[in-house]
Amino acid sequence: MAQEIAAAGAVVWRVREGIVEIALAHRLRYDDWTLPKGKLEAGESARVAAHREVREETGARVALGRFLGRTRYRIGADRKLVDYFAARYLDGEFAPSDEVAELAWLPVSDAIARVSYERDHPVLAAFVAKPADLTTLLLVRHAKAGSRAQWEDADELRPLSRNGEKQVPPVRTLAAVYGADRVFSAPLVRCVRTVQPVADDLGVPVGEEELLAERKYEGMEEAAQRRLVEIAAGGGVPVVCSQGGVIPDLVSRMAAETGLPVPRRVESKKGSVWALFFDGPHLVAADYIRVP
């Protein structure tokens, strides 16, 4: 019976002497040049798989970036679906293996000419369509909390529920995959606890952001937007946790300013993440990530 095989990979990039270079893998088995990629393991998301496969095939530690597209092709009777992401090279050294014999770092135009499969061309075109060196910000909606109706104390003290606690590890994993290094949160217990493990991993405090709480946001939307852009401009990859009454409007406002297409009804499920990508103060790409 024909199968659908899920896989993920990345356009791994770095800058050398002012030139953007892309990593291509030479595989012995197929005698081809291709973007690093591989099959998803059981229970693994595409982003986590792309991050892992890049490490295994190239030796590179990377910070994931924006989604670049999906390729579809046949392998015998089966169909393979590969999701690709941009990935900034951080460090690490390549070592030849039975699977990958050589790694080449090439300027983009040379990489496009070198790849063995035409199906990789749209992925590379999507990569070059925007600047490589974008700023990433992860905007998280807090995980599920206990019932508001059954909570007798102040609402800002309402904790995560048992199901909410289960949503925290995937957020923590995503933060690592994207190379997060700073953490901010609206000053509510459920928001802070959603991202506290990320801060613990990094050994940094959780910065409180009043403007990103629902009770402060209404009437202060422009100030909240300026603050979020300011956080993004502070360098690195910040993680910011907020609420459902803030995130959809905030994403819509920033997208409207740059003409970035987003759904009319912007999703923001509890525990979900918007990976936002900025060119200076301008939002130029946005990926919505649902967390189980």
C-alpha atoms as a PDB file:
ATOM      1  CA  MET A   1       0.000   0.000   0.000  1.00  0.00           C
ATOM      2  CA  ALA A   2       1.312   3.458  -0.915  1.00  0.00           C
ATOM      3  CA  GLN A   3       2.390   5.635   1.992  1.00  0.00           C
ATOM      4  CA  GLU A   4       2.738   9.346   2.603  1.00  0.00           C
ATOM      5  CA  ILE A   5       6.156  10.023   4.115  1.00  0.00           C
ATOM      6  CA  ALA A   6       6.557  13.206   6.166  1.00  0.00           C
ATOM      7  CA  ALA A   7       9.993  14.819   6.197  1.00  0.00           C
ATOM      8  CA  ALA A   8      11.572  18.178   6.958  1.00  0.00           C
ATOM      9  CA  GLY A   9      14.685  20.086   6.033  1.00  0.00           C
ATOM     10  CA  ALA A  10      16.263  23.499   5.939  1.00  0.00           C
ATOM     11  CA  VAL A  11      18.085  26.107   3.934  1.00  0.00           C
ATOM     12  CA  VAL A  12      21.041  26.487   6.288  1.00  0.00           C
ATOM     13  CA  TRP A  13      22.752  29.838   5.797  1.00  0.00           C
ATOM     14  CA  ARG A  14      25.627  31.897   7.096  1.00  0.00           C
ATOM     15  CA  VAL A  15      27.377  35.131   6.097  1.00  0.00           C
ATOM     16  CA  ARG A  16      31.037  35.063   5.079  1.00  0.00           C
ATOM     17  CA  GLU A  17      32.788  38.279   4.001  1.00  0.00           C
ATOM     18  CA  GLY A  18      29.420  39.916   3.459  1.00  0.00           C
ATOM     19  CA  ILE A  19      28.089  37.116   1.227  1.00  0.00           C
ATOM     20  CA  VAL A  20      25.196  34.818   2.179  1.00  0.00           C
ATOM     21  CA  GLU A  21      26.218  31.187   1.755  1.00  0.00           C
ATOM     22  CA  ILE A  22      23.994  28.093   1.767  1.00  0.00           C
ATOM     23  CA  ALA A  23      24.949  24.573   2.867  1.00  0.00           C
ATOM     24  CA  LEU A  24      24.397  21.728   0.394  1.00  0.00           C
ATOM     25  CA  ALA A  25      24.890  18.064   1.240  1.00  0.00           C
ATOM     26  CA  HIS A  26      26.452  15.546  -1.164  1.00  0.00           C
ATOM     27  CA  ARG A  27      24.875  12.149  -0.562  1.00  0.00           C
ATOM     28  CA  LEU A  28      26.856   9.082  -1.577  1.00  0.00           C
ATOM     29  CA  ARG A  29      23.868   6.794  -2.000  1.00  0.00           C
ATOM     30  CA  TYR A  30      22.268   9.008  -4.649  1.00  0.00           C
ATOM     31  CA  ASP A  31      25.352  10.930  -5.833  1.00  0.00           C
ATOM     32  CA  ASP A  32      23.363  14.144  -5.573  1.00  0.00           C
ATOM     33  CA  TRP A  33      23.552  17.629  -4.040  1.00  0.00           C
ATOM     34  CA  THR A  34      20.572  18.555  -1.928  1.00  0.00           C
ATOM     35  CA  LEU A  35      19.317  20.585   0.995  1.00  0.00           C
ATOM     36  CA  PRO A  36      19.705  18.815   4.366  1.00  0.00           C
ATOM     37  CA  LYS A  37      16.518  16.922   5.197  1.00  0.00           C
ATOM     38  CA  GLY A  38      15.122  13.718   6.647  1.00  0.00           C
ATOM     39  CA  LYS A  39      12.057  11.839   7.841  1.00  0.00           C
ATOM     40  CA  LEU A  40      10.081  12.829  10.925  1.00  0.00           C
ATOM     41  CA  GLU A  41      10.446  10.491  13.859  1.00  0.00           C
ATOM     42  CA  ALA A  42       7.376   9.247  15.732  1.00  0.00           C
ATOM     43  CA  GLY A  43       5.612  12.119  17.492  1.00  0.00           C
ATOM     44  CA  GLU A  44       8.037  14.682  16.081  1.00  0.00           C
ATOM     45  CA  SER A  45       6.967  17.986  14.536  1.00  0.00           C
ATOM     46  CA  ALA A  46       8.397  19.225  11.228  1.00  0.00           C
ATOM     47  CA  ARG A  47      10.325  22.013  12.938  1.00  0.00           C
ATOM     48  CA  VAL A  48      11.943  19.746  15.478  1.00  0.00           C
ATOM     49  CA  ALA A  49      12.765  17.229  12.733  1.00  0.00           C
ATOM     50  CA  ALA A  50      14.357  19.895  10.525  1.00  0.00           C
ATOM     51  CA  HIS A  51      16.484  21.093  13.431  1.00  0.00           C
ATOM     52  CA  ARG A  52      17.579  17.533  14.285  1.00  0.00           C
ATOM     53  CA  GLU A  53      18.261  16.472  10.688  1.00  0.00           C
ATOM     54  CA  VAL A  54      20.440  19.515  10.032  1.00  0.00           C
ATOM     55  CA  ARG A  55      22.526  18.641  13.090  1.00  0.00           C
ATOM     56  CA  GLU A  56      22.819  14.980  12.087  1.00  0.00           C
ATOM     57  CA  GLU A  57      23.667  15.588   8.422  1.00  0.00           C
ATOM     58  CA  THR A  58      25.841  18.698   8.632  1.00  0.00           C
ATOM     59  CA  GLY A  59      27.104  18.903  12.220  1.00  0.00           C
ATOM     60  CA  ALA A  60      25.687  22.422  12.400  1.00  0.00           C
ATOM     61  CA  ARG A  61      23.825  23.859  15.339  1.00  0.00           C
ATOM     62  CA  VAL A  62      21.214  26.224  13.921  1.00  0.00           C
ATOM     63  CA  ALA A  63      18.423  28.571  14.916  1.00  0.00           C
ATOM     64  CA  LEU A  64      15.319  27.874  12.880  1.00  0.00           C
ATOM     65  CA  GLY A  65      13.668  30.675  10.914  1.00  0.00           C
ATOM     66  CA  ARG A  66      10.650  31.158   8.679  1.00  0.00           C
ATOM     67  CA  PHE A  67       8.760  28.457   6.812  1.00  0.00           C
ATOM     68  CA  LEU A  68       9.818  28.335   3.148  1.00  0.00           C
ATOM     69  CA  GLY A  69       7.378  25.877   1.630  1.00  0.00           C
ATOM     70  CA  ARG A  70       6.650  22.213   1.008  1.00  0.00           C
ATOM     71  CA  THR A  71       7.846  19.943  -1.771  1.00  0.00           C
ATOM     72  CA  ARG A  72       5.994  16.834  -2.920  1.00  0.00           C
ATOM     73  CA  TYR A  73       7.448  14.029  -4.975  1.00  0.00           C
ATOM     74  CA  ARG A  74       7.197  10.292  -5.572  1.00  0.00           C
ATOM     75  CA  ILE A  75       9.533   7.618  -4.293  1.00  0.00           C
ATOM     76  CA  GLY A  76       8.288   4.493  -6.001  1.00  0.00           C
ATOM     77  CA  ALA A  77       4.643   4.094  -5.020  1.00  0.00           C
ATOM     78  CA  ASP A  78       5.001   6.374  -1.994  1.00  0.00           C
ATOM     79  CA  ARG A  79       4.645  10.142  -1.839  1.00  0.00           C
ATOM     80  CA  LYS A  80       7.121  12.226   0.160  1.00  0.00           C
ATOM     81  CA  LEU A  81       6.175  15.592   1.660  1.00  0.00           C
ATOM     82  CA  VAL A  82       9.062  17.769   2.842  1.00  0.00           C
ATOM     83  CA  ASP A  83       8.588  20.992   4.828  1.00  0.00           C
ATOM     84  CA  TYR A  84      11.495  23.430   4.588  1.00  0.00           C
ATOM     85  CA  PHE A  85      12.592  26.247   6.882  1.00  0.00           C
ATOM     86  CA  ALA A  86      15.321  28.842   6.871  1.00  0.00           C
ATOM     87  CA  ALA A  87      17.989  28.051   9.462  1.00  0.00           C
ATOM     88  CA  ARG A  88      20.745  30.361  10.660  1.00  0.00           C
ATOM     89  CA  TYR A  89      24.088  28.611  11.198  1.00  0.00           C
ATOM     90  CA  LEU A  90      25.409  29.139  14.732  1.00  0.00           C
ATOM     91  CA  ASP A  91      28.341  26.772  15.101  1.00  0.00           C
ATOM     92  CA  GLY A  92      29.462  23.187  14.618  1.00  0.00           C
ATOM     93  CA  GLU A  93      31.771  21.266  12.291  1.00  0.00           C
ATOM     94  CA  PHE A  94      30.910  18.852   9.483  1.00  0.00           C
ATOM     95  CA  ALA A  95      32.211  15.282   9.608  1.00  0.00           C
ATOM     96  CA  PRO A  96      31.689  12.904   6.644  1.00  0.00           C
ATOM     97  CA  SER A  97      29.339   9.974   7.260  1.00  0.00           C
ATOM     98  CA  ASP A  98      27.900   7.017   5.387  1.00  0.00           C
ATOM     99  CA  GLU A  99      25.001   9.249   4.359  1.00  0.00           C
ATOM    100  CA  VAL A 100      26.648  12.612   3.631  1.00  0.00           C
ATOM    101  CA  ALA A 101      30.135  12.569   2.126  1.00  0.00           C
ATOM    102  CA  GLU A 102      30.682  16.284   1.666  1.00  0.00           C
ATOM    103  CA  LEU A 103      29.212  19.618   2.699  1.00  0.00           C
ATOM    104  CA  ALA A 104      29.574  22.643   0.441  1.00  0.00           C
ATOM    105  CA  TRP A 105      28.977  26.253   1.466  1.00  0.00           C
ATOM    106  CA  LEU A 106      28.015  28.171  -1.655  1.00  0.00           C
ATOM    107  CA  PRO A 107      26.709  31.642  -2.551  1.00  0.00           C
ATOM    108  CA  VAL A 108      22.981  31.447  -3.266  1.00  0.00           C
ATOM    109  CA  SER A 109      23.310  31.659  -7.058  1.00  0.00           C
ATOM    110  CA  ASP A 110      25.883  28.846  -7.067  1.00  0.00           C
ATOM    111  CA  ALA A 111      23.730  26.738  -4.752  1.00  0.00           C
ATOM    112  CA  ILE A 112      20.750  27.109  -7.090  1.00  0.00           C
ATOM    113  CA  ALA A 113      22.927  25.929  -9.967  1.00  0.00           C
ATOM    114  CA  ARG A 114      24.406  23.025  -7.953  1.00  0.00           C
ATOM    115  CA  VAL A 115      21.263  21.369  -6.494  1.00  0.00           C
ATOM    116  CA  SER A 116      20.387  18.158  -8.283  1.00  0.00           C
ATOM    117  CA  TYR A 117      16.602  18.495  -8.153  1.00  0.00           C
ATOM    118  CA  GLU A 118      14.450  21.167  -9.696  1.00  0.00           C
ATOM    119  CA  ARG A 119      11.981  20.733  -6.825  1.00  0.00           C
ATOM    120  CA  ASP A 120      14.499  22.524  -4.578  1.00  0.00           C
ATOM    121  CA  HIS A 121      14.378  25.681  -6.718  1.00  0.00           C
ATOM    122  CA  PRO A 122      11.066  27.066  -5.311  1.00  0.00           C
ATOM    123  CA  VAL A 123      12.404  26.565  -1.776  1.00  0.00           C
ATOM    124  CA  LEU A 124      15.558  28.524  -2.579  1.00  0.00           C
ATOM    125  CA  ALA A 125      13.490  31.166  -4.371  1.00  0.00           C
ATOM    126  CA  ALA A 126      11.370  31.580  -1.240  1.00  0.00           C
ATOM    127  CA  PHE A 127      14.545  31.982   0.798  1.00  0.00           C
ATOM    128  CA  VAL A 128      15.987  34.742  -1.389  1.00  0.00           C
ATOM    129  CA  ALA A 129      12.623  36.535  -1.645  1.00  0.00           C
ATOM    130  CA  LYS A 130      13.246  38.114   1.770  1.00  0.00           C
ATOM    131  CA  PRO A 131      16.425  39.171   3.577  1.00  0.00           C
ATOM    132  CA  ALA A 132      18.225  36.274   5.228  1.00  0.00           C
ATOM    133  CA  ASP A 133      19.058  38.188   8.397  1.00  0.00           C
ATOM    134  CA  LEU A 134      15.585  38.709   9.842  1.00  0.00           C
ATOM    135  CA  THR A 135      14.844  39.124  13.543  1.00  0.00           C
ATOM    136  CA  THR A 136      12.733  36.367  15.107  1.00  0.00           C
ATOM    137  CA  LEU A 137      10.229  36.850  17.937  1.00  0.00           C
ATOM    138  CA  LEU A 138       8.080  34.039  19.335  1.00  0.00           C
ATOM    139  CA  LEU A 139       4.688  35.325  20.494  1.00  0.00           C
ATOM    140  CA  VAL A 140       3.073  32.698  22.728  1.00  0.00           C
ATOM    141  CA  ARG A 141      -0.478  32.482  23.998  1.00  0.00           C
ATOM    142  CA  HIS A 142      -0.515  31.112  27.524  1.00  0.00           C
ATOM    143  CA  ALA A 143      -1.380  27.451  27.984  1.00  0.00           C
ATOM    144  CA  LYS A 144      -4.754  26.289  29.274  1.00  0.00           C
ATOM    145  CA  ALA A 145      -5.710  27.503  32.738  1.00  0.00           C
ATOM    146  CA  GLY A 146      -8.344  26.436  35.218  1.00  0.00           C
ATOM    147  CA  SER A 147     -11.941  27.550  34.865  1.00  0.00           C
ATOM    148  CA  ARG A 148     -12.448  31.265  35.475  1.00  0.00           C
ATOM    149  CA  ALA A 149     -15.934  30.582  36.871  1.00  0.00           C
ATOM    150  CA  GLN A 150     -14.540  28.181  39.474  1.00  0.00           C
ATOM    151  CA  TRP A 151     -11.616  30.403  40.478  1.00  0.00           C
ATOM    152  CA  GLU A 152     -12.352  32.504  43.550  1.00  0.00           C
ATOM    153  CA  ASP A 153      -9.145  34.548  43.769  1.00  0.00           C
ATOM    154  CA  ALA A 154      -7.902  37.404  41.530  1.00  0.00           C
ATOM    155  CA  ASP A 155      -7.946  36.375  37.872  1.00  0.00           C
ATOM    156  CA  GLU A 156      -4.270  37.206  37.335  1.00  0.00           C
ATOM    157  CA  LEU A 157      -3.433  34.490  39.893  1.00  0.00           C
ATOM    158  CA  ARG A 158      -5.302  31.735  38.052  1.00  0.00           C
ATOM    159  CA  PRO A 159      -2.808  28.901  37.395  1.00  0.00           C
ATOM    160  CA  LEU A 160      -2.383  26.493  34.526  1.00  0.00           C
ATOM    161  CA  SER A 161      -4.620  23.444  34.482  1.00  0.00           C
ATOM    162  CA  ARG A 162      -3.335  19.884  34.220  1.00  0.00           C
ATOM    163  CA  ASN A 163      -3.909  20.011  30.447  1.00  0.00           C
ATOM    164  CA  GLY A 164      -2.183  23.379  30.346  1.00  0.00           C
ATOM    165  CA  GLU A 165       0.900  21.941  32.009  1.00  0.00           C
ATOM    166  CA  LYS A 166       1.084  19.415  29.156  1.00  0.00           C
ATOM    167  CA  GLN A 167       1.277  22.278  26.646  1.00  0.00           C
ATOM    168  CA  VAL A 168       4.355  23.806  28.269  1.00  0.00           C
ATOM    169  CA  PRO A 169       7.042  21.289  27.110  1.00  0.00           C
ATOM    170  CA  PRO A 170       6.296  21.816  23.378  1.00  0.00           C
ATOM    171  CA  VAL A 171       6.654  25.584  23.856  1.00  0.00           C
ATOM    172  CA  ARG A 172       9.945  24.955  25.624  1.00  0.00           C
ATOM    173  CA  THR A 173      11.118  22.764  22.730  1.00  0.00           C
ATOM    174  CA  LEU A 174      10.142  25.349  20.118  1.00  0.00           C
ATOM    175  CA  ALA A 175      12.047  28.034  22.000  1.00  0.00           C
ATOM    176  CA  ALA A 176      15.187  25.898  21.811  1.00  0.00           C
ATOM    177  CA  VAL A 177      14.707  25.138  18.117  1.00  0.00           C
ATOM    178  CA  TYR A 178      14.437  28.850  17.295  1.00  0.00           C
ATOM    179  CA  GLY A 179      17.406  29.761  19.488  1.00  0.00           C
ATOM    180  CA  ALA A 180      15.513  31.836  22.062  1.00  0.00           C
ATOM    181  CA  ASP A 181      17.635  33.858  24.466  1.00  0.00           C
ATOM    182  CA  ARG A 182      15.272  36.278  26.248  1.00  0.00           C
ATOM    183  CA  VAL A 183      11.847  35.829  27.860  1.00  0.00           C
ATOM    184  CA  PHE A 184       8.992  38.268  28.514  1.00  0.00           C
ATOM    185  CA  SER A 185       5.428  37.819  29.729  1.00  0.00           C
ATOM    186  CA  ALA A 186       2.254  39.611  30.627  1.00  0.00           C
ATOM    187  CA  PRO A 187       2.199  39.659  34.471  1.00  0.00           C
ATOM    188  CA  LEU A 188      -0.338  36.868  34.974  1.00  0.00           C
ATOM    189  CA  VAL A 189       0.499  33.573  36.648  1.00  0.00           C
ATOM    190  CA  ARG A 190      -0.739  31.499  33.704  1.00  0.00           C
ATOM    191  CA  CYS A 191       1.359  33.520  31.248  1.00  0.00           C
ATOM    192  CA  VAL A 192       4.525  33.459  33.328  1.00  0.00           C
ATOM    193  CA  ARG A 193       4.268  29.730  34.039  1.00  0.00           C
ATOM    194  CA  THR A 194       3.894  28.976  30.342  1.00  0.00           C
ATOM    195  CA  VAL A 195       7.337  30.413  29.576  1.00  0.00           C
ATOM    196  CA  GLN A 196       9.122  30.050  32.934  1.00  0.00           C
ATOM    197  CA  PRO A 197      10.764  26.742  31.875  1.00  0.00           C
ATOM    198  CA  VAL A 198      12.237  28.526  28.844  1.00  0.00           C
ATOM    199  CA  ALA A 199      13.700  31.194  31.132  1.00  0.00           C
ATOM    200  CA  ASP A 200      15.008  28.484  33.469  1.00  0.00           C
ATOM    201  CA  ASP A 201      16.748  26.742  30.564  1.00  0.00           C
ATOM    202  CA  LEU A 202      18.402  30.001  29.562  1.00  0.00           C
ATOM    203  CA  GLY A 203      19.178  31.189  33.076  1.00  0.00           C
ATOM    204  CA  VAL A 204      17.413  34.505  32.503  1.00  0.00           C
ATOM    205  CA  PRO A 205      14.540  36.287  34.285  1.00  0.00           C
ATOM    206  CA  VAL A 206      11.044  36.658  32.842  1.00  0.00           C
ATOM    207  CA  GLY A 207      10.558  40.337  32.079  1.00  0.00           C
ATOM    208  CA  GLU A 208       7.060  41.640  32.907  1.00  0.00           C
ATOM    209  CA  GLU A 209       5.174  43.452  30.154  1.00  0.00           C
ATOM    210  CA  GLU A 210       2.007  45.151  31.425  1.00  0.00           C
ATOM    211  CA  LEU A 211       0.959  46.394  27.969  1.00  0.00           C
ATOM    212  CA  LEU A 212       0.648  42.822  26.719  1.00  0.00           C
ATOM    213  CA  ALA A 213      -2.016  41.923  29.285  1.00  0.00           C
ATOM    214  CA  GLU A 214      -5.651  42.188  28.192  1.00  0.00           C
ATOM    215  CA  ARG A 215      -6.518  44.538  31.031  1.00  0.00           C
ATOM    216  CA  LYS A 216      -3.977  47.104  29.767  1.00  0.00           C
ATOM    217  CA  TYR A 217      -4.118  46.486  26.022  1.00  0.00           C
ATOM    218  CA  GLU A 218      -7.483  48.060  25.138  1.00  0.00           C
ATOM    219  CA  GLY A 219      -6.903  51.702  24.324  1.00  0.00           C
ATOM    220  CA  MET A 220      -3.132  51.188  24.391  1.00  0.00           C
ATOM    221  CA  GLU A 221      -2.839  49.098  21.231  1.00  0.00           C
ATOM    222  CA  GLU A 222      -0.311  51.332  19.481  1.00  0.00           C
ATOM    223  CA  ALA A 223       1.872  51.532  22.581  1.00  0.00           C
ATOM    224  CA  ALA A 224       1.760  47.746  22.946  1.00  0.00           C
ATOM    225  CA  GLN A 225       2.758  47.324  19.316  1.00  0.00           C
ATOM    226  CA  ARG A 226       5.667  49.722  19.731  1.00  0.00           C
ATOM    227  CA  ARG A 227       6.794  47.800  22.794  1.00  0.00           C
ATOM    228  CA  LEU A 228       6.697  44.459  20.979  1.00  0.00           C
ATOM    229  CA  VAL A 229       8.740  45.884  18.091  1.00  0.00           C
ATOM    230  CA  GLU A 230      11.149  47.338  20.639  1.00  0.00           C
ATOM    231  CA  ILE A 231      11.603  43.907  22.218  1.00  0.00           C
ATOM    232  CA  ALA A 232      12.262  42.382  18.795  1.00  0.00           C
ATOM    233  CA  ALA A 233      14.814  45.092  18.034  1.00  0.00           C
ATOM    234  CA  GLY A 234      16.695  44.319  21.248  1.00  0.00           C
ATOM    235  CA  GLY A 235      18.647  41.526  19.560  1.00  0.00           C
ATOM    236  CA  GLY A 236      18.595  37.774  19.811  1.00  0.00           C
ATOM    237  CA  VAL A 237      15.370  35.764  19.760  1.00  0.00           C
ATOM    238  CA  PRO A 238      12.856  36.823  22.427  1.00  0.00           C
ATOM    239  CA  VAL A 239       9.922  34.741  23.622  1.00  0.00           C
ATOM    240  CA  VAL A 240       6.888  36.807  24.646  1.00  0.00           C
ATOM    241  CA  CYS A 241       3.786  35.355  26.331  1.00  0.00           C
ATOM    242  CA  SER A 242       0.447  37.142  26.127  1.00  0.00           C
ATOM    243  CA  GLN A 243      -3.314  36.515  25.988  1.00  0.00           C
ATOM    244  CA  GLY A 244      -6.021  35.720  23.478  1.00  0.00           C
ATOM    245  CA  GLY A 245      -7.469  39.217  23.734  1.00  0.00           C
ATOM    246  CA  VAL A 246      -4.163  40.706  22.589  1.00  0.00           C
ATOM    247  CA  ILE A 247      -2.363  38.452  20.133  1.00  0.00           C
ATOM    248  CA  PRO A 248      -4.813  38.351  17.161  1.00  0.00           C
ATOM    249  CA  ASP A 249      -5.235  42.133  17.106  1.00  0.00           C
ATOM    250  CA  LEU A 250      -1.518  42.734  17.555  1.00  0.00           C
ATOM    251  CA  VAL A 251      -0.535  40.382  14.709  1.00  0.00           C
ATOM    252  CA  SER A 252      -3.238  41.836  12.445  1.00  0.00           C
ATOM    253  CA  ARG A 253      -2.080  45.407  13.077  1.00  0.00           C
ATOM    254  CA  MET A 254       1.547  44.682  12.315  1.00  0.00           C
ATOM    255  CA  ALA A 255       0.688  42.643   9.225  1.00  0.00           C
ATOM    256  CA  ALA A 256      -1.594  45.389   7.873  1.00  0.00           C
ATOM    257  CA  GLU A 257       1.221  47.935   8.062  1.00  0.00           C
ATOM    258  CA  THR A 258       3.425  45.912   5.702  1.00  0.00           C
ATOM    259  CA  GLY A 259       0.725  44.271   3.578  1.00  0.00           C
ATOM    260  CA  LEU A 260       1.632  40.845   4.913  1.00  0.00           C
ATOM    261  CA  PRO A 261      -1.247  38.441   4.199  1.00  0.00           C
ATOM    262  CA  VAL A 262      -2.697  36.826   7.306  1.00  0.00           C
ATOM    263  CA  PRO A 263      -6.128  35.256   7.800  1.00  0.00           C
ATOM    264  CA  ARG A 264      -8.967  37.693   8.469  1.00  0.00           C
ATOM    265  CA  ARG A 265      -9.520  35.836  11.706  1.00  0.00           C
ATOM    266  CA  VAL A 266      -6.057  35.420  13.204  1.00  0.00           C
ATOM    267  CA  GLU A 267      -5.803  32.210  15.201  1.00  0.00           C
ATOM    268  CA  SER A 268      -4.418  32.124  18.717  1.00  0.00           C
ATOM    269  CA  LYS A 269      -5.229  28.844  20.433  1.00  0.00           C
ATOM    270  CA  LYS A 270      -4.048  28.380  24.003  1.00  0.00           C
ATOM    271  CA  GLY A 271      -0.462  27.187  23.991  1.00  0.00           C
ATOM    272  CA  SER A 272       0.054  28.178  20.349  1.00  0.00           C
ATOM    273  CA  VAL A 273       2.955  30.218  19.008  1.00  0.00           C
ATOM    274  CA  TRP A 274       3.285  32.890  16.341  1.00  0.00           C
ATOM    275  CA  ALA A 275       6.834  32.940  14.962  1.00  0.00           C
ATOM    276  CA  LEU A 276       7.183  36.551  13.790  1.00  0.00           C
ATOM    277  CA  PHE A 277       9.994  37.759  11.550  1.00  0.00           C
ATOM    278  CA  PHE A 278      11.010  41.398  11.344  1.00  0.00           C
ATOM    279  CA  ASP A 279      13.106  43.378   8.896  1.00  0.00           C
ATOM    280  CA  GLY A 280      13.934  46.299  11.157  1.00  0.00           C
ATOM    281  CA  PRO A 281      10.585  47.435  12.633  1.00  0.00           C
ATOM    282  CA  HIS A 282       8.556  45.815   9.844  1.00  0.00           C
ATOM    283  CA  LEU A 283       6.824  42.434  10.116  1.00  0.00           C
ATOM    284  CA  VAL A 284       7.666  40.601   6.874  1.00  0.00           C
ATOM    285  CA  ALA A 285       6.768  36.975   7.679  1.00  0.00           C
ATOM    286  CA  ALA A 286       4.647  35.146  10.244  1.00  0.00           C
ATOM    287  CA  ASP A 287       4.175  31.427  10.896  1.00  0.00           C
ATOM    288  CA  TYR A 288       1.405  30.115  13.124  1.00  0.00           C
ATOM    289  CA  ILE A 289       2.331  27.003  15.120  1.00  0.00           C
ATOM    290  CA  ARG A 290      -0.277  24.974  16.954  1.00  0.00           C
ATOM    291  CA  VAL A 291       0.878  23.178  20.061  1.00  0.00           C
ATOM    292  CA  PRO A 292      -1.031  19.962  20.967  1.00  0.00           C
END
